[in-house]
Amino acid sequence: IANKNRVAILAELDKEKRKLLMQNQSSTNHPGASIALARSPLNKDFRDHAEQQHIAAQQKAALQHAHAHSSGYFITQDSAFGNLILPVLPRLEAE
């Protein structure tokens, strides 16, 4: 399923790229055309997606490292302090 999603995303990006190139070729007389392409929402979405994939890869690596080198248990969780993984502490019943 993930591979199908990748293929669909790549096909959509290729389609958008060709569309933007055609628009750029038809508007070569307009000096601001290339600037508009650089600021398009597609580029921002692509950067955001790439950044999320990079963070996910970092989280996975950190989680694997923690499990290999610690007897504790860790989870991936967004943190206000920028931590990629957080330790899970058991609750102990009060005596």
PDB file of N, CA and C in Angstrom:
ATOM      1  N   ILE A   1       0.832  -1.191   0.000  1.00  0.00           N
ATOM      2  CA  ILE A   1       0.000   0.000   0.000  1.00  0.00           C
ATOM      3  C   ILE A   1       0.873   1.251   0.000  1.00  0.00           C
ATOM      4  N   ALA A   2       1.956   1.234   0.807  1.00  0.00           N
ATOM      5  CA  ALA A   2       2.838   2.400   0.861  1.00  0.00           C
ATOM      6  C   ALA A   2       3.486   2.653  -0.490  1.00  0.00           C
ATOM      7  N   ASN A   3       3.842   1.570  -1.201  1.00  0.00           N
ATOM      8  CA  ASN A   3       4.465   1.714  -2.509  1.00  0.00           C
ATOM      9  C   ASN A   3       3.486   2.326  -3.508  1.00  0.00           C
ATOM     10  N   LYS A   4       2.209   1.929  -3.426  1.00  0.00           N
ATOM     11  CA  LYS A   4       1.195   2.506  -4.314  1.00  0.00           C
ATOM     12  C   LYS A   4       1.030   3.995  -4.023  1.00  0.00           C
ATOM     13  N   ASN A   5       1.081   4.352  -2.740  1.00  0.00           N
ATOM     14  CA  ASN A   5       0.978   5.768  -2.368  1.00  0.00           C
ATOM     15  C   ASN A   5       2.150   6.560  -2.926  1.00  0.00           C
ATOM     16  N   ARG A   6       3.346   5.987  -2.845  1.00  0.00           N
ATOM     17  CA  ARG A   6       4.531   6.666  -3.385  1.00  0.00           C
ATOM     18  C   ARG A   6       4.395   6.889  -4.881  1.00  0.00           C
ATOM     19  N   VAL A   7       3.953   5.853  -5.574  1.00  0.00           N
ATOM     20  CA  VAL A   7       3.794   5.951  -7.028  1.00  0.00           C
ATOM     21  C   VAL A   7       2.766   7.022  -7.366  1.00  0.00           C
ATOM     22  N   ALA A   8       1.666   7.050  -6.618  1.00  0.00           N
ATOM     23  CA  ALA A   8       0.626   8.052  -6.869  1.00  0.00           C
ATOM     24  C   ALA A   8       1.143   9.460  -6.592  1.00  0.00           C
ATOM     25  N   ILE A   9       1.901   9.618  -5.509  1.00  0.00           N
ATOM     26  CA  ILE A   9       2.465  10.933  -5.171  1.00  0.00           C
ATOM     27  C   ILE A   9       3.450  11.376  -6.241  1.00  0.00           C
ATOM     28  N   LEU A  10       4.325  10.460  -6.664  1.00  0.00           N
ATOM     29  CA  LEU A  10       5.305  10.805  -7.699  1.00  0.00           C
ATOM     30  C   LEU A  10       4.612  11.149  -9.016  1.00  0.00           C
ATOM     31  N   ALA A  11       3.564  10.421  -9.354  1.00  0.00           N
ATOM     32  CA  ALA A  11       2.826  10.717 -10.583  1.00  0.00           C
ATOM     33  C   ALA A  11       2.176  12.091 -10.497  1.00  0.00           C
ATOM     34  N   GLU A  12       1.599  12.401  -9.349  1.00  0.00           N
ATOM     35  CA  GLU A  12       0.964  13.712  -9.156  1.00  0.00           C
ATOM     36  C   GLU A  12       2.006  14.828  -9.225  1.00  0.00           C
ATOM     37  N   LEU A  13       3.168  14.613  -8.608  1.00  0.00           N
ATOM     38  CA  LEU A  13       4.232  15.621  -8.659  1.00  0.00           C
ATOM     39  C   LEU A  13       4.729  15.830 -10.085  1.00  0.00           C
ATOM     40  N   ASP A  14       4.871  14.729 -10.826  1.00  0.00           N
ATOM     41  CA  ASP A  14       5.319  14.835 -12.211  1.00  0.00           C
ATOM     42  C   ASP A  14       4.294  15.595 -13.051  1.00  0.00           C
ATOM     43  N   LYS A  15       3.028  15.306 -12.821  1.00  0.00           N
ATOM     44  CA  LYS A  15       1.952  16.000 -13.537  1.00  0.00           C
ATOM     45  C   LYS A  15       1.981  17.499 -13.229  1.00  0.00           C
ATOM     46  N   GLU A  16       2.111  17.853 -11.949  1.00  0.00           N
ATOM     47  CA  GLU A  16       2.175  19.264 -11.552  1.00  0.00           C
ATOM     48  C   GLU A  16       3.427  19.939 -12.115  1.00  0.00           C
ATOM     49  N   LYS A  17       4.534  19.211 -12.117  1.00  0.00           N
ATOM     50  CA  LYS A  17       5.783  19.764 -12.650  1.00  0.00           C
ATOM     51  C   LYS A  17       5.628  20.102 -14.134  1.00  0.00           C
ATOM     52  N   ARG A  18       5.039  19.164 -14.892  1.00  0.00           N
ATOM     53  CA  ARG A  18       4.837  19.425 -16.319  1.00  0.00           C
ATOM     54  C   ARG A  18       3.893  20.599 -16.533  1.00  0.00           C
ATOM     55  N   LYS A  19       2.853  20.670 -15.716  1.00  0.00           N
ATOM     56  CA  LYS A  19       1.898  21.773 -15.810  1.00  0.00           C
ATOM     57  C   LYS A  19       2.595  23.107 -15.542  1.00  0.00           C
ATOM     58  N   LEU A  20       3.424  23.148 -14.500  1.00  0.00           N
ATOM     59  CA  LEU A  20       4.141  24.380 -14.162  1.00  0.00           C
ATOM     60  C   LEU A  20       5.164  24.751 -15.235  1.00  0.00           C
ATOM     61  N   LEU A  21       5.826  23.747 -15.801  1.00  0.00           N
ATOM     62  CA  LEU A  21       6.782  24.024 -16.873  1.00  0.00           C
ATOM     63  C   LEU A  21       6.078  24.592 -18.102  1.00  0.00           C
ATOM     64  N   MET A  22       4.905  24.061 -18.414  1.00  0.00           N
ATOM     65  CA  MET A  22       4.136  24.583 -19.547  1.00  0.00           C
ATOM     66  C   MET A  22       3.714  26.025 -19.281  1.00  0.00           C
ATOM     67  N   GLN A  23       3.284  26.314 -18.057  1.00  0.00           N
ATOM     68  CA  GLN A  23       2.904  27.680 -17.706  1.00  0.00           C
ATOM     69  C   GLN A  23       4.116  28.604 -17.794  1.00  0.00           C
ATOM     70  N   ASN A  24       5.265  28.107 -17.362  1.00  0.00           N
ATOM     71  CA  ASN A  24       6.489  28.909 -17.379  1.00  0.00           C
ATOM     72  C   ASN A  24       6.913  29.206 -18.818  1.00  0.00           C
ATOM     73  N   GLN A  25       6.794  28.217 -19.696  1.00  0.00           N
ATOM     74  CA  GLN A  25       7.164  28.427 -21.092  1.00  0.00           C
ATOM     75  C   GLN A  25       6.227  29.421 -21.767  1.00  0.00           C
ATOM     76  N   SER A  26       4.956  29.373 -21.416  1.00  0.00           N
ATOM     77  CA  SER A  26       4.004  30.284 -22.051  1.00  0.00           C
ATOM     78  C   SER A  26       4.108  31.697 -21.494  1.00  0.00           C
ATOM     79  N   SER A  27       4.729  31.859 -20.344  1.00  0.00           N
ATOM     80  CA  SER A  27       4.828  33.195 -19.737  1.00  0.00           C
ATOM     81  C   SER A  27       6.281  33.640 -19.576  1.00  0.00           C
ATOM     82  N   THR A  28       7.139  33.288 -20.533  1.00  0.00           N
ATOM     83  CA  THR A  28       8.551  33.671 -20.430  1.00  0.00           C
ATOM     84  C   THR A  28       8.748  35.175 -20.553  1.00  0.00           C
ATOM     85  N   ASN A  29       7.768  35.883 -21.081  1.00  0.00           N
ATOM     86  CA  ASN A  29       7.884  37.335 -21.192  1.00  0.00           C
ATOM     87  C   ASN A  29       7.592  38.039 -19.872  1.00  0.00           C
ATOM     88  N   HIS A  30       7.075  37.315 -18.897  1.00  0.00           N
ATOM     89  CA  HIS A  30       6.756  37.902 -17.596  1.00  0.00           C
ATOM     90  C   HIS A  30       7.905  37.636 -16.624  1.00  0.00           C
ATOM     91  N   PRO A  31       8.601  38.672 -16.156  1.00  0.00           N
ATOM     92  CA  PRO A  31       9.778  38.464 -15.310  1.00  0.00           C
ATOM     93  C   PRO A  31       9.467  37.832 -13.957  1.00  0.00           C
ATOM     94  N   GLY A  32       8.260  37.939 -13.431  1.00  0.00           N
ATOM     95  CA  GLY A  32       7.941  37.393 -12.117  1.00  0.00           C
ATOM     96  C   GLY A  32       7.467  35.956 -12.150  1.00  0.00           C
ATOM     97  N   ALA A  33       7.457  35.316 -13.307  1.00  0.00           N
ATOM     98  CA  ALA A  33       6.908  33.965 -13.414  1.00  0.00           C
ATOM     99  C   ALA A  33       7.714  32.954 -12.615  1.00  0.00           C
ATOM    100  N   SER A  34       9.033  33.020 -12.675  1.00  0.00           N
ATOM    101  CA  SER A  34       9.838  32.035 -11.951  1.00  0.00           C
ATOM    102  C   SER A  34       9.744  32.236 -10.449  1.00  0.00           C
ATOM    103  N   ILE A  35       9.555  33.463 -10.000  1.00  0.00           N
ATOM    104  CA  ILE A  35       9.400  33.725  -8.571  1.00  0.00           C
ATOM    105  C   ILE A  35       8.095  33.118  -8.081  1.00  0.00           C
ATOM    106  N   ALA A  36       7.044  33.221  -8.862  1.00  0.00           N
ATOM    107  CA  ALA A  36       5.758  32.646  -8.482  1.00  0.00           C
ATOM    108  C   ALA A  36       5.858  31.131  -8.369  1.00  0.00           C
ATOM    109  N   LEU A  37       6.637  30.496  -9.242  1.00  0.00           N
ATOM    110  CA  LEU A  37       6.809  29.052  -9.175  1.00  0.00           C
ATOM    111  C   LEU A  37       7.527  28.647  -7.899  1.00  0.00           C
ATOM    112  N   ALA A  38       8.503  29.408  -7.495  1.00  0.00           N
ATOM    113  CA  ALA A  38       9.271  29.070  -6.300  1.00  0.00           C
ATOM    114  C   ALA A  38       8.428  29.171  -5.043  1.00  0.00           C
ATOM    115  N   ARG A  39       7.395  29.978  -5.059  1.00  0.00           N
ATOM    116  CA  ARG A  39       6.570  30.172  -3.870  1.00  0.00           C
ATOM    117  C   ARG A  39       5.250  29.413  -3.936  1.00  0.00           C
ATOM    118  N   SER A  40       5.096  28.519  -4.907  1.00  0.00           N
ATOM    119  CA  SER A  40       3.815  27.834  -5.067  1.00  0.00           C
ATOM    120  C   SER A  40       3.522  26.936  -3.867  1.00  0.00           C
ATOM    121  N   PRO A  41       2.243  26.724  -3.564  1.00  0.00           N
ATOM    122  CA  PRO A  41       1.876  25.859  -2.438  1.00  0.00           C
ATOM    123  C   PRO A  41       2.368  24.427  -2.625  1.00  0.00           C
ATOM    124  N   LEU A  42       2.502  23.983  -3.877  1.00  0.00           N
ATOM    125  CA  LEU A  42       2.985  22.636  -4.134  1.00  0.00           C
ATOM    126  C   LEU A  42       4.382  22.458  -3.565  1.00  0.00           C
ATOM    127  N   ASN A  43       5.265  23.440  -3.785  1.00  0.00           N
ATOM    128  CA  ASN A  43       6.621  23.346  -3.256  1.00  0.00           C
ATOM    129  C   ASN A  43       6.615  23.313  -1.736  1.00  0.00           C
ATOM    130  N   LYS A  44       5.765  24.114  -1.104  1.00  0.00           N
ATOM    131  CA  LYS A  44       5.684  24.135   0.356  1.00  0.00           C
ATOM    132  C   LYS A  44       5.184  22.793   0.870  1.00  0.00           C
ATOM    133  N   ASP A  45       4.140  22.250   0.230  1.00  0.00           N
ATOM    134  CA  ASP A  45       3.612  20.952   0.640  1.00  0.00           C
ATOM    135  C   ASP A  45       4.667  19.867   0.482  1.00  0.00           C
ATOM    136  N   PHE A  46       5.426  19.923  -0.613  1.00  0.00           N
ATOM    137  CA  PHE A  46       6.471  18.935  -0.848  1.00  0.00           C
ATOM    138  C   PHE A  46       7.553  19.036   0.223  1.00  0.00           C
ATOM    139  N   ARG A  47       7.967  20.277   0.559  1.00  0.00           N
ATOM    140  CA  ARG A  47       8.979  20.457   1.614  1.00  0.00           C
ATOM    141  C   ARG A  47       8.462  19.950   2.952  1.00  0.00           C
ATOM    142  N   ASP A  48       7.204  20.267   3.265  1.00  0.00           N
ATOM    143  CA  ASP A  48       6.617  19.812   4.526  1.00  0.00           C
ATOM    144  C   ASP A  48       6.586  18.291   4.590  1.00  0.00           C
ATOM    145  N   HIS A  49       6.200  17.659   3.485  1.00  0.00           N
ATOM    146  CA  HIS A  49       6.130  16.198   3.449  1.00  0.00           C
ATOM    147  C   HIS A  49       7.528  15.597   3.602  1.00  0.00           C
ATOM    148  N   ALA A  50       8.506  16.162   2.911  1.00  0.00           N
ATOM    149  CA  ALA A  50       9.876  15.665   3.012  1.00  0.00           C
ATOM    150  C   ALA A  50      10.410  15.836   4.431  1.00  0.00           C
ATOM    151  N   GLU A  51      10.091  16.969   5.050  1.00  0.00           N
ATOM    152  CA  GLU A  51      10.534  17.208   6.427  1.00  0.00           C
ATOM    153  C   GLU A  51       9.886  16.207   7.383  1.00  0.00           C
ATOM    154  N   GLN A  52       8.613  15.913   7.184  1.00  0.00           N
ATOM    155  CA  GLN A  52       7.928  14.938   8.036  1.00  0.00           C
ATOM    156  C   GLN A  52       8.533  13.551   7.875  1.00  0.00           C
ATOM    157  N   GLN A  53       8.875  13.187   6.641  1.00  0.00           N
ATOM    158  CA  GLN A  53       9.506  11.889   6.417  1.00  0.00           C
ATOM    159  C   GLN A  53      10.868  11.835   7.093  1.00  0.00           C
ATOM    160  N   HIS A  54      11.621  12.939   7.039  1.00  0.00           N
ATOM    161  CA  HIS A  54      12.935  12.992   7.670  1.00  0.00           C
ATOM    162  C   HIS A  54      12.804  12.843   9.181  1.00  0.00           C
ATOM    163  N   ILE A  55      11.838  13.539   9.772  1.00  0.00           N
ATOM    164  CA  ILE A  55      11.612  13.443  11.212  1.00  0.00           C
ATOM    165  C   ILE A  55      11.188  12.027  11.581  1.00  0.00           C
ATOM    166  N   ALA A  56      10.322  11.425  10.777  1.00  0.00           N
ATOM    167  CA  ALA A  56       9.882  10.056  11.046  1.00  0.00           C
ATOM    168  C   ALA A  56      11.069   9.098  11.002  1.00  0.00           C
ATOM    169  N   ALA A  57      11.976   9.297  10.060  1.00  0.00           N
ATOM    170  CA  ALA A  57      13.166   8.451   9.972  1.00  0.00           C
ATOM    171  C   ALA A  57      14.055   8.655  11.195  1.00  0.00           C
ATOM    172  N   GLN A  58      14.195   9.905  11.640  1.00  0.00           N
ATOM    173  CA  GLN A  58      14.987  10.181  12.838  1.00  0.00           C
ATOM    174  C   GLN A  58      14.345   9.541  14.063  1.00  0.00           C
ATOM    175  N   GLN A  59      13.020   9.623  14.173  1.00  0.00           N
ATOM    176  CA  GLN A  59      12.318   9.015  15.303  1.00  0.00           C
ATOM    177  C   GLN A  59      12.533   7.506  15.315  1.00  0.00           C
ATOM    178  N   LYS A  60      12.439   6.896  14.155  1.00  0.00           N
ATOM    179  CA  LYS A  60      12.612   5.445  14.064  1.00  0.00           C
ATOM    180  C   LYS A  60      14.021   5.054  14.490  1.00  0.00           C
ATOM    181  N   ALA A  61      15.010   5.793  14.016  1.00  0.00           N
ATOM    182  CA  ALA A  61      16.396   5.499  14.377  1.00  0.00           C
ATOM    183  C   ALA A  61      16.625   5.693  15.874  1.00  0.00           C
ATOM    184  N   ALA A  62      16.075   6.769  16.435  1.00  0.00           N
ATOM    185  CA  ALA A  62      16.235   7.023  17.868  1.00  0.00           C
ATOM    186  C   ALA A  62      15.550   5.936  18.685  1.00  0.00           C
ATOM    187  N   LEU A  63      14.382   5.507  18.247  1.00  0.00           N
ATOM    188  CA  LEU A  63      13.642   4.467  18.958  1.00  0.00           C
ATOM    189  C   LEU A  63      14.400   3.143  18.913  1.00  0.00           C
ATOM    190  N   GLN A  64      14.926   2.784  17.760  1.00  0.00           N
ATOM    191  CA  GLN A  64      15.698   1.546  17.639  1.00  0.00           C
ATOM    192  C   GLN A  64      16.946   1.599  18.512  1.00  0.00           C
ATOM    193  N   HIS A  65      17.623   2.723  18.515  1.00  0.00           N
ATOM    194  CA  HIS A  65      18.829   2.883  19.334  1.00  0.00           C
ATOM    195  C   HIS A  65      18.482   2.759  20.819  1.00  0.00           C
ATOM    196  N   ALA A  66      17.400   3.410  21.239  1.00  0.00           N
ATOM    197  CA  ALA A  66      17.001   3.368  22.649  1.00  0.00           C
ATOM    198  C   ALA A  66      16.633   1.951  23.076  1.00  0.00           C
ATOM    199  N   HIS A  67      15.899   1.237  22.237  1.00  0.00           N
ATOM    200  CA  HIS A  67      15.516  -0.132  22.588  1.00  0.00           C
ATOM    201  C   HIS A  67      16.728  -1.056  22.624  1.00  0.00           C
ATOM    202  N   ALA A  68      17.704  -0.807  21.764  1.00  0.00           N
ATOM    203  CA  ALA A  68      18.894  -1.656  21.724  1.00  0.00           C
ATOM    204  C   ALA A  68      19.828  -1.397  22.902  1.00  0.00           C
ATOM    205  N   HIS A  69      19.855  -0.173  23.419  1.00  0.00           N
ATOM    206  CA  HIS A  69      20.831   0.195  24.441  1.00  0.00           C
ATOM    207  C   HIS A  69      20.226   0.483  25.809  1.00  0.00           C
ATOM    208  N   SER A  70      18.959   0.184  25.993  1.00  0.00           N
ATOM    209  CA  SER A  70      18.312   0.485  27.266  1.00  0.00           C
ATOM    210  C   SER A  70      17.304  -0.604  27.603  1.00  0.00           C
ATOM    211  N   SER A  71      17.093  -0.789  28.885  1.00  0.00           N
ATOM    212  CA  SER A  71      16.088  -1.768  29.300  1.00  0.00           C
ATOM    213  C   SER A  71      14.723  -1.111  29.454  1.00  0.00           C
ATOM    214  N   GLY A  72      14.652   0.190  29.245  1.00  0.00           N
ATOM    215  CA  GLY A  72      13.399   0.925  29.381  1.00  0.00           C
ATOM    216  C   GLY A  72      12.517   0.777  28.160  1.00  0.00           C
ATOM    217  N   TYR A  73      11.354   1.421  28.218  1.00  0.00           N
ATOM    218  CA  TYR A  73      10.415   1.402  27.112  1.00  0.00           C
ATOM    219  C   TYR A  73      10.199   2.834  26.640  1.00  0.00           C
ATOM    220  N   PHE A  74      10.212   3.046  25.336  1.00  0.00           N
ATOM    221  CA  PHE A  74      10.110   4.382  24.760  1.00  0.00           C
ATOM    222  C   PHE A  74       9.015   4.411  23.703  1.00  0.00           C
ATOM    223  N   ILE A  75       8.458   5.604  23.495  1.00  0.00           N
ATOM    224  CA  ILE A  75       7.461   5.803  22.443  1.00  0.00           C
ATOM    225  C   ILE A  75       7.836   7.042  21.635  1.00  0.00           C
ATOM    226  N   THR A  76       7.365   7.094  20.392  1.00  0.00           N
ATOM    227  CA  THR A  76       7.526   8.312  19.598  1.00  0.00           C
ATOM    228  C   THR A  76       6.348   9.212  19.926  1.00  0.00           C
ATOM    229  N   GLN A  77       6.639  10.454  20.197  1.00  0.00           N
ATOM    230  CA  GLN A  77       5.595  11.397  20.604  1.00  0.00           C
ATOM    231  C   GLN A  77       6.110  12.804  20.344  1.00  0.00           C
ATOM    232  N   ASP A  78       5.257  13.671  19.820  1.00  0.00           N
ATOM    233  CA  ASP A  78       5.645  15.071  19.671  1.00  0.00           C
ATOM    234  C   ASP A  78       5.891  15.653  21.050  1.00  0.00           C
ATOM    235  N   SER A  79       6.962  16.403  21.164  1.00  0.00           N
ATOM    236  CA  SER A  79       7.335  16.972  22.455  1.00  0.00           C
ATOM    237  C   SER A  79       7.481  18.476  22.324  1.00  0.00           C
ATOM    238  N   ALA A  80       7.062  19.198  23.344  1.00  0.00           N
ATOM    239  CA  ALA A  80       7.215  20.655  23.353  1.00  0.00           C
ATOM    240  C   ALA A  80       8.691  21.038  23.387  1.00  0.00           C
ATOM    241  N   PHE A  81       9.547  20.108  23.784  1.00  0.00           N
ATOM    242  CA  PHE A  81      10.976  20.386  23.891  1.00  0.00           C
ATOM    243  C   PHE A  81      11.775  19.825  22.722  1.00  0.00           C
ATOM    244  N   GLY A  82      11.099  19.277  21.719  1.00  0.00           N
ATOM    245  CA  GLY A  82      11.779  18.785  20.529  1.00  0.00           C
ATOM    246  C   GLY A  82      12.348  17.383  20.652  1.00  0.00           C
ATOM    247  N   ASN A  83      11.967  16.641  21.686  1.00  0.00           N
ATOM    248  CA  ASN A  83      12.446  15.268  21.832  1.00  0.00           C
ATOM    249  C   ASN A  83      11.779  14.383  20.786  1.00  0.00           C
ATOM    250  N   LEU A  84      12.559  13.476  20.196  1.00  0.00           N
ATOM    251  CA  LEU A  84      12.008  12.579  19.187  1.00  0.00           C
ATOM    252  C   LEU A  84      11.274  11.407  19.818  1.00  0.00           C
ATOM    253  N   ILE A  85      11.772  10.950  20.974  1.00  0.00           N
ATOM    254  CA  ILE A  85      11.132   9.847  21.687  1.00  0.00           C
ATOM    255  C   ILE A  85      11.022  10.220  23.155  1.00  0.00           C
ATOM    256  N   LEU A  86      10.089   9.584  23.827  1.00  0.00           N
ATOM    257  CA  LEU A  86       9.891   9.842  25.253  1.00  0.00           C
ATOM    258  C   LEU A  86       9.886   8.518  26.003  1.00  0.00           C
ATOM    259  N   PRO A  87      10.482   8.485  27.197  1.00  0.00           N
ATOM    260  CA  PRO A  87      10.433   7.250  27.989  1.00  0.00           C
ATOM    261  C   PRO A  87       9.043   7.066  28.595  1.00  0.00           C
ATOM    262  N   VAL A  88       8.657   5.823  28.725  1.00  0.00           N
ATOM    263  CA  VAL A  88       7.386   5.499  29.372  1.00  0.00           C
ATOM    264  C   VAL A  88       7.721   4.969  30.759  1.00  0.00           C
ATOM    265  N   LEU A  89       7.185   5.619  31.774  1.00  0.00           N
ATOM    266  CA  LEU A  89       7.447   5.217  33.153  1.00  0.00           C
ATOM    267  C   LEU A  89       6.215   4.511  33.711  1.00  0.00           C
ATOM    268  N   PRO A  90       6.417   3.369  34.357  1.00  0.00           N
ATOM    269  CA  PRO A  90       5.259   2.661  34.914  1.00  0.00           C
ATOM    270  C   PRO A  90       4.712   3.379  36.143  1.00  0.00           C
ATOM    271  N   ARG A  91       3.426   3.260  36.343  1.00  0.00           N
ATOM    272  CA  ARG A  91       2.815   3.811  37.553  1.00  0.00           C
ATOM    273  C   ARG A  91       2.892   2.761  38.647  1.00  0.00           C
ATOM    274  N   LEU A  92       3.356   3.179  39.793  1.00  0.00           N
ATOM    275  CA  LEU A  92       3.433   2.274  40.931  1.00  0.00           C
ATOM    276  C   LEU A  92       2.309   2.599  41.893  1.00  0.00           C
ATOM    277  N   GLU A  93       1.676   1.566  42.385  1.00  0.00           N
ATOM    278  CA  GLU A  93       0.590   1.750  43.338  1.00  0.00           C
ATOM    279  C   GLU A  93       1.155   2.220  44.672  1.00  0.00           C
ATOM    280  N   ALA A  94       0.487   3.169  45.301  1.00  0.00           N
ATOM    281  CA  ALA A  94       0.904   3.644  46.621  1.00  0.00           C
ATOM    282  C   ALA A  94       0.593   2.573  47.654  1.00  0.00           C
ATOM    283  N   GLU A  95       1.472   2.406  48.599  1.00  0.00           N
ATOM    284  CA  GLU A  95       1.274   1.369  49.622  1.00  0.00           C
ATOM    285  C   GLU A  95       0.426   1.840  50.757  1.00  0.00           C
TER     286      GLU A  95
END
